[in-house]
Amino acid sequence: MKITMAHGSGGKSTDELIDKIFAKHFSNEILDKMEDSALVEGGKKMAFTTDSFVVDPVQFPGGNIGRLCICGTVNDLLMRGAIPKYLTCGFIIEEGADTDELEEIVKSMAETARESKVLIVAGDTKVVQGRGGMYINTSGIGFIPEDVDISAYNIKSGDVLIVSGTMGDHHSAILSSRMNIENDIISDVAPLNEMVHNLIENGIEIHTLRDVTRGGLATVLKELAKTSKVDIDIQADIPVRDSVEKLCGLLGLDPMYMGNEGKLVAFIPQNQEKKALDIIRHSKYGENARVIGKVTKGTGQVRQQTAIGGVRNIEALTGEGLPRIC
């Protein structure tokens, strides 16, 4: 069945769409009440985030827009040390979209929400004229333990940088799909709950966490260096999969500016480097973690050693990092 404008009318067709797809997969004790707003339990320190997902294509190697929107929102909460609890989702669906594909995406969202231990407690659907596309907005709430203070402002001279895996996987998967390039690259889209919770529960003094998404590692590090007013020095050998490196070489791209959707960078005191690295490597999605640099006093500069012994000044991405990856 194809989506029609009637599915966005608020009438019988809308009710059928909600019952047969959304309520079927998102069912939980809060959402099932179908109130105008969700009543949820809270905490003293709350993190709240929202994001919109417009990726094209909506299905890509390793995932789809449904898994992506849950992971993106959950990971944003985790980067402040929050325990993600509740999500909302708003769908903007273009007329002509296929309901089988919609249900596949909704099912993926439900599965990823269960993996992330979050409940989808409210939502909205709008149907607009178009060519069968689909866009999703998700908002999330998480609760921060009282003794956790993770912020972009907390980076200190002497910290080490740990990345949880290889750079550029998601960006490369989207780009390959858009350009019909055949390779074995799949998106790394993943929720990082276990990794972050293991660090916190094992007493690691996490100063800063950031998920490496749009703009890539280079942009993330430049923004963090400016915010905390420190300099960051990174090594030449950043972890990149061979297939991603070959794609970048073919297209003249730089993995430092290629985004991910399942990787983080952590700033940790140097005396906890080995323990933190071991925890990340033994957490789900962190087996390829590596220490890539250190923090020094400074004014917001990011420098990378080059393979031939030089130094490269790293700046934030200029312009749009095509294609849009989320």
C-alpha atoms as a PDB file:
ATOM      1  CA  MET A   1       0.000   0.000   0.000  1.00  0.00           C
ATOM      2  CA  LYS A   2       1.103   3.536  -0.751  1.00  0.00           C
ATOM      3  CA  ILE A   3       0.798   6.512   1.584  1.00  0.00           C
ATOM      4  CA  THR A   4      -1.876   8.982   0.483  1.00  0.00           C
ATOM      5  CA  MET A   5      -2.812  12.438   1.742  1.00  0.00           C
ATOM      6  CA  ALA A   6      -5.716  10.773   3.576  1.00  0.00           C
ATOM      7  CA  HIS A   7      -3.211   9.112   5.912  1.00  0.00           C
ATOM      8  CA  GLY A   8      -2.373  12.571   7.236  1.00  0.00           C
ATOM      9  CA  SER A   9      -5.965  13.766   7.627  1.00  0.00           C
ATOM     10  CA  GLY A  10      -6.369  12.771  11.258  1.00  0.00           C
ATOM     11  CA  GLY A  11      -9.319  10.521  10.372  1.00  0.00           C
ATOM     12  CA  LYS A  12      -9.884   6.838   9.800  1.00  0.00           C
ATOM     13  CA  SER A  13      -6.880   6.373   7.474  1.00  0.00           C
ATOM     14  CA  THR A  14      -4.596   7.995  10.029  1.00  0.00           C
ATOM     15  CA  ASP A  15      -5.931   5.745  12.794  1.00  0.00           C
ATOM     16  CA  GLU A  16      -5.351   2.674  10.636  1.00  0.00           C
ATOM     17  CA  LEU A  17      -1.769   3.729   9.875  1.00  0.00           C
ATOM     18  CA  ILE A  18      -1.068   4.296  13.576  1.00  0.00           C
ATOM     19  CA  ASP A  19      -2.661   1.014  14.655  1.00  0.00           C
ATOM     20  CA  LYS A  20      -1.162  -1.212  11.948  1.00  0.00           C
ATOM     21  CA  ILE A  21       2.391   0.175  11.963  1.00  0.00           C
ATOM     22  CA  PHE A  22       3.349   2.550  14.771  1.00  0.00           C
ATOM     23  CA  ALA A  23       1.378   1.171  17.730  1.00  0.00           C
ATOM     24  CA  LYS A  24       2.100  -2.386  16.588  1.00  0.00           C
ATOM     25  CA  HIS A  25       5.883  -1.960  16.944  1.00  0.00           C
ATOM     26  CA  PHE A  26       6.232   0.838  19.518  1.00  0.00           C
ATOM     27  CA  SER A  27       3.731  -0.560  22.041  1.00  0.00           C
ATOM     28  CA  ASN A  28       4.529   0.107  25.721  1.00  0.00           C
ATOM     29  CA  GLU A  29       2.520   0.987  28.827  1.00  0.00           C
ATOM     30  CA  ILE A  30       3.034   4.733  28.392  1.00  0.00           C
ATOM     31  CA  LEU A  31       2.454   5.063  24.648  1.00  0.00           C
ATOM     32  CA  ASP A  32      -0.522   2.704  24.644  1.00  0.00           C
ATOM     33  CA  LYS A  33      -2.567   5.224  26.633  1.00  0.00           C
ATOM     34  CA  MET A  34      -2.543   7.486  23.533  1.00  0.00           C
ATOM     35  CA  GLU A  35      -2.790  10.694  25.563  1.00  0.00           C
ATOM     36  CA  ASP A  36      -1.945  14.128  24.142  1.00  0.00           C
ATOM     37  CA  SER A  37       1.251  14.052  26.204  1.00  0.00           C
ATOM     38  CA  ALA A  38       3.178  11.327  28.019  1.00  0.00           C
ATOM     39  CA  LEU A  39       3.451  11.216  31.801  1.00  0.00           C
ATOM     40  CA  VAL A  40       6.883   9.881  32.750  1.00  0.00           C
ATOM     41  CA  GLU A  41       8.985   9.563  35.882  1.00  0.00           C
ATOM     42  CA  GLY A  42      11.887  12.015  36.212  1.00  0.00           C
ATOM     43  CA  GLY A  43      15.067  12.852  38.087  1.00  0.00           C
ATOM     44  CA  LYS A  44      16.990  15.826  39.462  1.00  0.00           C
ATOM     45  CA  LYS A  45      19.412  16.267  36.542  1.00  0.00           C
ATOM     46  CA  MET A  46      17.864  15.823  33.115  1.00  0.00           C
ATOM     47  CA  ALA A  47      19.383  15.912  29.625  1.00  0.00           C
ATOM     48  CA  PHE A  48      17.125  16.746  26.692  1.00  0.00           C
ATOM     49  CA  THR A  49      17.936  16.691  22.978  1.00  0.00           C
ATOM     50  CA  THR A  50      16.222  16.784  19.601  1.00  0.00           C
ATOM     51  CA  ASP A  51      17.343  16.000  16.062  1.00  0.00           C
ATOM     52  CA  SER A  52      15.872  15.627  12.579  1.00  0.00           C
ATOM     53  CA  PHE A  53      16.916  12.965  10.087  1.00  0.00           C
ATOM     54  CA  VAL A  54      16.699  13.518   6.334  1.00  0.00           C
ATOM     55  CA  VAL A  55      19.233  10.971   5.048  1.00  0.00           C
ATOM     56  CA  ASP A  56      18.936   9.846   1.423  1.00  0.00           C
ATOM     57  CA  PRO A  57      18.657   6.938   0.770  1.00  0.00           C
ATOM     58  CA  VAL A  58      16.572   5.922   3.776  1.00  0.00           C
ATOM     59  CA  GLN A  59      17.925   2.372   3.426  1.00  0.00           C
ATOM     60  CA  PHE A  60      21.714   2.013   3.329  1.00  0.00           C
ATOM     61  CA  PRO A  61      24.302  -0.726   3.936  1.00  0.00           C
ATOM     62  CA  GLY A  62      24.289  -1.501   7.649  1.00  0.00           C
ATOM     63  CA  GLY A  63      21.111   0.328   8.613  1.00  0.00           C
ATOM     64  CA  ASN A  64      18.286   2.663   7.744  1.00  0.00           C
ATOM     65  CA  ILE A  65      16.826   5.991   8.808  1.00  0.00           C
ATOM     66  CA  GLY A  66      14.921   4.254  11.610  1.00  0.00           C
ATOM     67  CA  ARG A  67      17.984   2.821  13.349  1.00  0.00           C
ATOM     68  CA  LEU A  68      19.840   6.050  12.629  1.00  0.00           C
ATOM     69  CA  CYS A  69      17.333   8.335  14.346  1.00  0.00           C
ATOM     70  CA  ILE A  70      17.261   6.248  17.539  1.00  0.00           C
ATOM     71  CA  CYS A  71      21.051   5.917  17.715  1.00  0.00           C
ATOM     72  CA  GLY A  72      21.639   9.586  16.951  1.00  0.00           C
ATOM     73  CA  THR A  73      19.361  10.785  19.731  1.00  0.00           C
ATOM     74  CA  VAL A  74      20.444   8.180  22.285  1.00  0.00           C
ATOM     75  CA  ASN A  75      24.112   8.905  21.644  1.00  0.00           C
ATOM     76  CA  ASP A  76      23.595  12.656  22.076  1.00  0.00           C
ATOM     77  CA  LEU A  77      22.204  11.994  25.555  1.00  0.00           C
ATOM     78  CA  LEU A  78      25.028   9.607  26.393  1.00  0.00           C
ATOM     79  CA  MET A  79      27.640  12.228  25.562  1.00  0.00           C
ATOM     80  CA  ARG A  80      26.553  14.125  28.692  1.00  0.00           C
ATOM     81  CA  GLY A  81      26.648  10.981  30.792  1.00  0.00           C
ATOM     82  CA  ALA A  82      22.858  10.678  30.844  1.00  0.00           C
ATOM     83  CA  ILE A  83      20.978   7.411  31.049  1.00  0.00           C
ATOM     84  CA  PRO A  84      18.587   7.615  28.055  1.00  0.00           C
ATOM     85  CA  LYS A  85      15.005   6.827  29.043  1.00  0.00           C
ATOM     86  CA  TYR A  86      12.310   8.291  26.781  1.00  0.00           C
ATOM     87  CA  LEU A  87      12.044   9.279  23.126  1.00  0.00           C
ATOM     88  CA  THR A  88       9.436  10.921  20.942  1.00  0.00           C
ATOM     89  CA  CYS A  89       9.315  10.580  17.176  1.00  0.00           C
ATOM     90  CA  GLY A  90       7.675  12.709  14.517  1.00  0.00           C
ATOM     91  CA  PHE A  91       7.282  11.415  10.955  1.00  0.00           C
ATOM     92  CA  ILE A  92       6.921  13.619   7.894  1.00  0.00           C
ATOM     93  CA  ILE A  93       5.999  11.222   5.092  1.00  0.00           C
ATOM     94  CA  GLU A  94       5.631  12.201   1.460  1.00  0.00           C
ATOM     95  CA  GLU A  95       2.629  10.982  -0.486  1.00  0.00           C
ATOM     96  CA  GLY A  96       3.517   7.831  -2.422  1.00  0.00           C
ATOM     97  CA  ALA A  97       5.779   6.328   0.240  1.00  0.00           C
ATOM     98  CA  ASP A  98       5.442   2.567   0.536  1.00  0.00           C
ATOM     99  CA  THR A  99       3.866   1.291   3.753  1.00  0.00           C
ATOM    100  CA  ASP A 100       5.949  -1.906   3.671  1.00  0.00           C
ATOM    101  CA  GLU A 101       9.126   0.168   3.721  1.00  0.00           C
ATOM    102  CA  LEU A 102       7.649   2.388   6.429  1.00  0.00           C
ATOM    103  CA  GLU A 103       6.903  -0.633   8.585  1.00  0.00           C
ATOM    104  CA  GLU A 104      10.433  -1.982   8.045  1.00  0.00           C
ATOM    105  CA  ILE A 105      11.842   1.338   9.268  1.00  0.00           C
ATOM    106  CA  VAL A 106       9.469   1.464  12.242  1.00  0.00           C
ATOM    107  CA  LYS A 107      10.383  -2.120  13.145  1.00  0.00           C
ATOM    108  CA  SER A 108      14.080  -1.176  13.020  1.00  0.00           C
ATOM    109  CA  MET A 109      13.372   1.782  15.309  1.00  0.00           C
ATOM    110  CA  ALA A 110      11.615  -0.484  17.799  1.00  0.00           C
ATOM    111  CA  GLU A 111      14.460  -3.015  17.785  1.00  0.00           C
ATOM    112  CA  THR A 112      17.077  -0.295  18.263  1.00  0.00           C
ATOM    113  CA  ALA A 113      15.048   1.304  21.057  1.00  0.00           C
ATOM    114  CA  ARG A 114      14.995  -2.032  22.864  1.00  0.00           C
ATOM    115  CA  GLU A 115      18.752  -2.396  22.393  1.00  0.00           C
ATOM    116  CA  SER A 116      19.182   1.124  23.777  1.00  0.00           C
ATOM    117  CA  LYS A 117      16.792   0.453  26.688  1.00  0.00           C
ATOM    118  CA  VAL A 118      14.591   3.452  25.871  1.00  0.00           C
ATOM    119  CA  LEU A 119      10.839   3.805  25.455  1.00  0.00           C
ATOM    120  CA  ILE A 120       9.191   5.680  22.592  1.00  0.00           C
ATOM    121  CA  VAL A 121       6.403   7.423  24.524  1.00  0.00           C
ATOM    122  CA  ALA A 122       4.889   9.907  22.055  1.00  0.00           C
ATOM    123  CA  GLY A 123       4.823  10.627  18.345  1.00  0.00           C
ATOM    124  CA  ASP A 124       3.229  12.430  15.439  1.00  0.00           C
ATOM    125  CA  THR A 125       2.679  11.747  11.750  1.00  0.00           C
ATOM    126  CA  LYS A 126       2.196  14.243   8.927  1.00  0.00           C
ATOM    127  CA  VAL A 127       1.719  13.426   5.244  1.00  0.00           C
ATOM    128  CA  VAL A 128       2.787  15.996   2.650  1.00  0.00           C
ATOM    129  CA  GLN A 129       2.927  16.122  -1.121  1.00  0.00           C
ATOM    130  CA  GLY A 130       6.152  14.826  -2.595  1.00  0.00           C
ATOM    131  CA  ARG A 131       7.834  11.870  -4.232  1.00  0.00           C
ATOM    132  CA  GLY A 132       7.609   9.202  -1.571  1.00  0.00           C
ATOM    133  CA  GLY A 133      10.343  10.413   0.762  1.00  0.00           C
ATOM    134  CA  MET A 134      10.434  10.201   4.527  1.00  0.00           C
ATOM    135  CA  TYR A 135      11.869  12.356   7.331  1.00  0.00           C
ATOM    136  CA  ILE A 136      11.941  11.708  11.070  1.00  0.00           C
ATOM    137  CA  ASN A 137      12.416  13.965  14.080  1.00  0.00           C
ATOM    138  CA  THR A 138      13.310  12.372  17.401  1.00  0.00           C
ATOM    139  CA  SER A 139      13.611  14.010  20.803  1.00  0.00           C
ATOM    140  CA  GLY A 140      15.044  12.307  23.852  1.00  0.00           C
ATOM    141  CA  ILE A 141      15.201  12.631  27.615  1.00  0.00           C
ATOM    142  CA  GLY A 142      17.797  11.060  29.865  1.00  0.00           C
ATOM    143  CA  PHE A 143      18.730  11.414  33.515  1.00  0.00           C
ATOM    144  CA  ILE A 144      22.243  12.225  34.720  1.00  0.00           C
ATOM    145  CA  PRO A 145      23.626  10.687  37.911  1.00  0.00           C
ATOM    146  CA  GLU A 146      24.431  13.330  40.529  1.00  0.00           C
ATOM    147  CA  ASP A 147      28.184  12.653  40.527  1.00  0.00           C
ATOM    148  CA  VAL A 148      28.583  12.806  36.711  1.00  0.00           C
ATOM    149  CA  ASP A 149      29.790  16.013  35.044  1.00  0.00           C
ATOM    150  CA  ILE A 150      30.726  15.449  31.402  1.00  0.00           C
ATOM    151  CA  SER A 151      30.986  18.599  29.296  1.00  0.00           C
ATOM    152  CA  ALA A 152      32.807  20.102  26.328  1.00  0.00           C
ATOM    153  CA  TYR A 153      34.189  22.682  28.785  1.00  0.00           C
ATOM    154  CA  ASN A 154      35.945  20.117  31.000  1.00  0.00           C
ATOM    155  CA  ILE A 155      38.928  19.152  28.821  1.00  0.00           C
ATOM    156  CA  LYS A 156      42.211  19.650  30.698  1.00  0.00           C
ATOM    157  CA  SER A 157      45.839  19.848  29.720  1.00  0.00           C
ATOM    158  CA  GLY A 158      47.330  16.376  30.102  1.00  0.00           C
ATOM    159  CA  ASP A 159      44.203  14.526  28.982  1.00  0.00           C
ATOM    160  CA  VAL A 160      44.505  11.782  26.377  1.00  0.00           C
ATOM    161  CA  LEU A 161      42.097  11.252  23.466  1.00  0.00           C
ATOM    162  CA  ILE A 162      40.563   7.865  22.803  1.00  0.00           C
ATOM    163  CA  VAL A 163      38.487   7.157  19.694  1.00  0.00           C
ATOM    164  CA  SER A 164      36.245   4.119  19.954  1.00  0.00           C
ATOM    165  CA  GLY A 165      36.906   2.825  16.444  1.00  0.00           C
ATOM    166  CA  THR A 166      37.504   3.514  12.774  1.00  0.00           C
ATOM    167  CA  MET A 167      36.599   6.843  11.214  1.00  0.00           C
ATOM    168  CA  GLY A 168      34.333   7.560   8.243  1.00  0.00           C
ATOM    169  CA  ASP A 169      32.342   4.318   8.057  1.00  0.00           C
ATOM    170  CA  HIS A 170      28.830   5.795   7.972  1.00  0.00           C
ATOM    171  CA  HIS A 171      29.726   8.633   5.614  1.00  0.00           C
ATOM    172  CA  SER A 172      31.403   6.201   3.241  1.00  0.00           C
ATOM    173  CA  ALA A 173      28.428   3.815   3.301  1.00  0.00           C
ATOM    174  CA  ILE A 174      26.002   6.610   2.411  1.00  0.00           C
ATOM    175  CA  LEU A 175      28.299   7.986  -0.279  1.00  0.00           C
ATOM    176  CA  SER A 176      28.832   4.549  -1.836  1.00  0.00           C
ATOM    177  CA  SER A 177      25.105   3.904  -1.892  1.00  0.00           C
ATOM    178  CA  ARG A 178      24.353   7.280  -3.462  1.00  0.00           C
ATOM    179  CA  MET A 179      26.994   6.774  -6.157  1.00  0.00           C
ATOM    180  CA  ASN A 180      26.257   3.065  -6.770  1.00  0.00           C
ATOM    181  CA  ILE A 181      29.829   2.128  -5.865  1.00  0.00           C
ATOM    182  CA  GLU A 182      30.114  -1.561  -4.998  1.00  0.00           C
ATOM    183  CA  ASN A 183      32.250  -2.291  -1.935  1.00  0.00           C
ATOM    184  CA  ASP A 184      32.006  -3.958   1.485  1.00  0.00           C
ATOM    185  CA  ILE A 185      31.580  -0.756   3.497  1.00  0.00           C
ATOM    186  CA  ILE A 186      28.678  -0.733   5.925  1.00  0.00           C
ATOM    187  CA  SER A 187      27.491   1.979   8.281  1.00  0.00           C
ATOM    188  CA  ASP A 188      28.672   1.857  11.878  1.00  0.00           C
ATOM    189  CA  VAL A 189      25.335   3.224  13.154  1.00  0.00           C
ATOM    190  CA  ALA A 190      25.004   1.968  16.743  1.00  0.00           C
ATOM    191  CA  PRO A 191      23.883   2.990  20.242  1.00  0.00           C
ATOM    192  CA  LEU A 192      26.825   3.460  22.614  1.00  0.00           C
ATOM    193  CA  ASN A 193      25.029   2.828  25.927  1.00  0.00           C
ATOM    194  CA  GLU A 194      27.172  -0.073  27.089  1.00  0.00           C
ATOM    195  CA  MET A 195      30.437   1.720  26.332  1.00  0.00           C
ATOM    196  CA  VAL A 196      29.548   4.920  28.197  1.00  0.00           C
ATOM    197  CA  HIS A 197      27.910   3.159  31.130  1.00  0.00           C
ATOM    198  CA  ASN A 198      30.911   0.847  31.559  1.00  0.00           C
ATOM    199  CA  LEU A 199      33.248   3.830  31.738  1.00  0.00           C
ATOM    200  CA  ILE A 200      31.093   5.572  34.336  1.00  0.00           C
ATOM    201  CA  GLU A 201      30.410   2.478  36.438  1.00  0.00           C
ATOM    202  CA  ASN A 202      34.131   1.617  36.570  1.00  0.00           C
ATOM    203  CA  GLY A 203      35.026   5.014  37.988  1.00  0.00           C
ATOM    204  CA  ILE A 204      36.718   6.540  34.939  1.00  0.00           C
ATOM    205  CA  GLU A 205      36.996  10.319  35.329  1.00  0.00           C
ATOM    206  CA  ILE A 206      35.491  11.271  31.982  1.00  0.00           C
ATOM    207  CA  HIS A 207      36.057  14.934  31.206  1.00  0.00           C
ATOM    208  CA  THR A 208      34.438  15.059  27.775  1.00  0.00           C
ATOM    209  CA  LEU A 209      32.633  12.766  25.356  1.00  0.00           C
ATOM    210  CA  ARG A 210      31.543  13.586  21.820  1.00  0.00           C
ATOM    211  CA  ASP A 211      30.052  11.381  19.120  1.00  0.00           C
ATOM    212  CA  VAL A 212      31.871  11.779  15.821  1.00  0.00           C
ATOM    213  CA  THR A 213      29.111  12.659  13.357  1.00  0.00           C
ATOM    214  CA  ARG A 214      28.756  15.455  10.788  1.00  0.00           C
ATOM    215  CA  GLY A 215      32.029  17.199  10.007  1.00  0.00           C
ATOM    216  CA  GLY A 216      34.067  14.212  11.120  1.00  0.00           C
ATOM    217  CA  LEU A 217      36.801  13.949  13.732  1.00  0.00           C
ATOM    218  CA  ALA A 218      38.558  17.107  12.537  1.00  0.00           C
ATOM    219  CA  THR A 219      35.542  19.333  13.105  1.00  0.00           C
ATOM    220  CA  VAL A 220      34.697  17.733  16.457  1.00  0.00           C
ATOM    221  CA  LEU A 221      38.223  18.234  17.792  1.00  0.00           C
ATOM    222  CA  LYS A 222      38.454  21.817  16.549  1.00  0.00           C
ATOM    223  CA  GLU A 223      35.144  22.729  18.206  1.00  0.00           C
ATOM    224  CA  LEU A 224      36.182  21.103  21.485  1.00  0.00           C
ATOM    225  CA  ALA A 225      39.617  22.748  21.492  1.00  0.00           C
ATOM    226  CA  LYS A 226      38.026  26.176  21.055  1.00  0.00           C
ATOM    227  CA  THR A 227      35.397  25.524  23.720  1.00  0.00           C
ATOM    228  CA  SER A 228      37.855  24.362  26.398  1.00  0.00           C
ATOM    229  CA  LYS A 229      40.625  26.733  25.262  1.00  0.00           C
ATOM    230  CA  VAL A 230      43.274  24.018  24.933  1.00  0.00           C
ATOM    231  CA  ASP A 231      45.455  22.670  22.142  1.00  0.00           C
ATOM    232  CA  ILE A 232      45.038  19.132  20.867  1.00  0.00           C
ATOM    233  CA  ASP A 233      47.837  17.151  19.242  1.00  0.00           C
ATOM    234  CA  ILE A 234      46.933  13.976  17.381  1.00  0.00           C
ATOM    235  CA  GLN A 235      49.031  11.338  15.685  1.00  0.00           C
ATOM    236  CA  ALA A 236      49.223  10.681  11.965  1.00  0.00           C
ATOM    237  CA  ASP A 237      47.804   7.175  12.214  1.00  0.00           C
ATOM    238  CA  ILE A 238      44.067   7.638  12.764  1.00  0.00           C
ATOM    239  CA  PRO A 239      42.110   4.340  12.630  1.00  0.00           C
ATOM    240  CA  VAL A 240      40.457   3.971   9.201  1.00  0.00           C
ATOM    241  CA  ARG A 241      39.259   0.775   7.527  1.00  0.00           C
ATOM    242  CA  ASP A 242      41.165  -0.181   4.373  1.00  0.00           C
ATOM    243  CA  SER A 243      38.005  -0.041   2.263  1.00  0.00           C
ATOM    244  CA  VAL A 244      37.173   3.456   3.525  1.00  0.00           C
ATOM    245  CA  GLU A 245      40.728   4.633   2.927  1.00  0.00           C
ATOM    246  CA  LYS A 246      40.593   3.302  -0.644  1.00  0.00           C
ATOM    247  CA  LEU A 247      37.263   5.028  -1.289  1.00  0.00           C
ATOM    248  CA  CYS A 248      38.666   8.293   0.028  1.00  0.00           C
ATOM    249  CA  GLY A 249      41.722   7.916  -2.188  1.00  0.00           C
ATOM    250  CA  LEU A 250      39.524   7.236  -5.202  1.00  0.00           C
ATOM    251  CA  LEU A 251      37.312  10.279  -4.609  1.00  0.00           C
ATOM    252  CA  GLY A 252      39.901  12.655  -3.162  1.00  0.00           C
ATOM    253  CA  LEU A 253      38.297  12.749   0.303  1.00  0.00           C
ATOM    254  CA  ASP A 254      39.843  13.100   3.751  1.00  0.00           C
ATOM    255  CA  PRO A 255      38.780  10.552   6.429  1.00  0.00           C
ATOM    256  CA  MET A 256      39.309  13.243   9.074  1.00  0.00           C
ATOM    257  CA  TYR A 257      36.177  14.971   7.738  1.00  0.00           C
ATOM    258  CA  MET A 258      34.104  11.823   7.190  1.00  0.00           C
ATOM    259  CA  GLY A 259      31.287  11.290   9.689  1.00  0.00           C
ATOM    260  CA  ASN A 260      30.290   8.300  11.780  1.00  0.00           C
ATOM    261  CA  GLU A 261      27.107   7.334  13.629  1.00  0.00           C
ATOM    262  CA  GLY A 262      28.479   4.846  16.134  1.00  0.00           C
ATOM    263  CA  LYS A 263      31.828   6.197  17.335  1.00  0.00           C
ATOM    264  CA  LEU A 264      32.880   8.555  20.109  1.00  0.00           C
ATOM    265  CA  VAL A 265      35.961  10.425  21.220  1.00  0.00           C
ATOM    266  CA  ALA A 266      36.691  10.493  24.953  1.00  0.00           C
ATOM    267  CA  PHE A 267      38.970  12.835  26.900  1.00  0.00           C
ATOM    268  CA  ILE A 268      40.418  11.001  29.905  1.00  0.00           C
ATOM    269  CA  PRO A 269      43.172  11.811  32.460  1.00  0.00           C
ATOM    270  CA  GLN A 270      46.435  10.248  31.341  1.00  0.00           C
ATOM    271  CA  ASN A 271      46.734   8.121  34.492  1.00  0.00           C
ATOM    272  CA  GLN A 272      43.486   6.333  33.539  1.00  0.00           C
ATOM    273  CA  GLU A 273      44.404   5.791  29.885  1.00  0.00           C
ATOM    274  CA  LYS A 274      45.051   2.039  29.994  1.00  0.00           C
ATOM    275  CA  LYS A 275      42.008   1.251  32.128  1.00  0.00           C
ATOM    276  CA  ALA A 276      39.666   3.363  30.000  1.00  0.00           C
ATOM    277  CA  LEU A 277      40.991   1.927  26.742  1.00  0.00           C
ATOM    278  CA  ASP A 278      40.535  -1.624  28.050  1.00  0.00           C
ATOM    279  CA  ILE A 279      36.952  -0.870  29.127  1.00  0.00           C
ATOM    280  CA  ILE A 280      36.039   0.582  25.726  1.00  0.00           C
ATOM    281  CA  ARG A 281      37.640  -2.301  23.837  1.00  0.00           C
ATOM    282  CA  HIS A 282      35.640  -4.810  25.889  1.00  0.00           C
ATOM    283  CA  SER A 283      32.373  -2.915  25.372  1.00  0.00           C
ATOM    284  CA  LYS A 284      30.001  -3.502  22.488  1.00  0.00           C
ATOM    285  CA  TYR A 285      31.114  -1.577  19.351  1.00  0.00           C
ATOM    286  CA  GLY A 286      34.467  -0.568  20.890  1.00  0.00           C
ATOM    287  CA  GLU A 287      36.839  -3.365  19.858  1.00  0.00           C
ATOM    288  CA  ASN A 288      38.911  -1.093  17.589  1.00  0.00           C
ATOM    289  CA  ALA A 289      39.406   1.723  20.114  1.00  0.00           C
ATOM    290  CA  ARG A 290      42.730   3.520  20.120  1.00  0.00           C
ATOM    291  CA  VAL A 291      44.518   6.389  21.868  1.00  0.00           C
ATOM    292  CA  ILE A 292      45.176   9.021  19.201  1.00  0.00           C
ATOM    293  CA  GLY A 293      46.564  12.077  20.960  1.00  0.00           C
ATOM    294  CA  LYS A 294      46.904  14.344  23.965  1.00  0.00           C
ATOM    295  CA  VAL A 295      45.866  17.759  25.234  1.00  0.00           C
ATOM    296  CA  THR A 296      48.210  20.620  26.058  1.00  0.00           C
ATOM    297  CA  LYS A 297      47.757  24.194  27.237  1.00  0.00           C
ATOM    298  CA  GLY A 298      46.924  26.527  24.387  1.00  0.00           C
ATOM    299  CA  THR A 299      44.397  28.657  22.578  1.00  0.00           C
ATOM    300  CA  GLY A 300      42.207  26.235  20.645  1.00  0.00           C
ATOM    301  CA  GLN A 301      44.572  24.791  18.046  1.00  0.00           C
ATOM    302  CA  VAL A 302      44.440  21.242  16.692  1.00  0.00           C
ATOM    303  CA  ARG A 303      47.591  19.784  15.165  1.00  0.00           C
ATOM    304  CA  GLN A 304      48.177  16.442  13.489  1.00  0.00           C
ATOM    305  CA  GLN A 305      51.539  14.815  12.945  1.00  0.00           C
ATOM    306  CA  THR A 306      52.012  13.771   9.332  1.00  0.00           C
ATOM    307  CA  ALA A 307      53.484  10.524   8.051  1.00  0.00           C
ATOM    308  CA  ILE A 308      56.597  12.354   6.828  1.00  0.00           C
ATOM    309  CA  GLY A 309      57.260  14.105  10.140  1.00  0.00           C
ATOM    310  CA  GLY A 310      55.519  17.417   9.529  1.00  0.00           C
ATOM    311  CA  VAL A 311      52.646  19.098  11.341  1.00  0.00           C
ATOM    312  CA  ARG A 312      49.226  19.772   9.841  1.00  0.00           C
ATOM    313  CA  ASN A 313      46.923  22.412  11.301  1.00  0.00           C
ATOM    314  CA  ILE A 314      43.389  21.023  11.566  1.00  0.00           C
ATOM    315  CA  GLU A 315      40.410  23.311  10.991  1.00  0.00           C
ATOM    316  CA  ALA A 316      36.654  22.705  11.075  1.00  0.00           C
ATOM    317  CA  LEU A 317      34.847  21.614   7.926  1.00  0.00           C
ATOM    318  CA  THR A 318      34.133  24.461   5.533  1.00  0.00           C
ATOM    319  CA  GLY A 319      30.921  24.215   3.532  1.00  0.00           C
ATOM    320  CA  GLU A 320      28.708  21.131   3.352  1.00  0.00           C
ATOM    321  CA  GLY A 321      30.139  17.638   3.767  1.00  0.00           C
ATOM    322  CA  LEU A 322      28.217  15.960   0.972  1.00  0.00           C
ATOM    323  CA  PRO A 323      26.199  13.841   0.991  1.00  0.00           C
ATOM    324  CA  ARG A 324      24.021  14.579   4.027  1.00  0.00           C
ATOM    325  CA  ILE A 325      24.652  11.613   6.312  1.00  0.00           C
ATOM    326  CA  CYS A 326      21.812  11.909   8.798  1.00  0.00           C
END
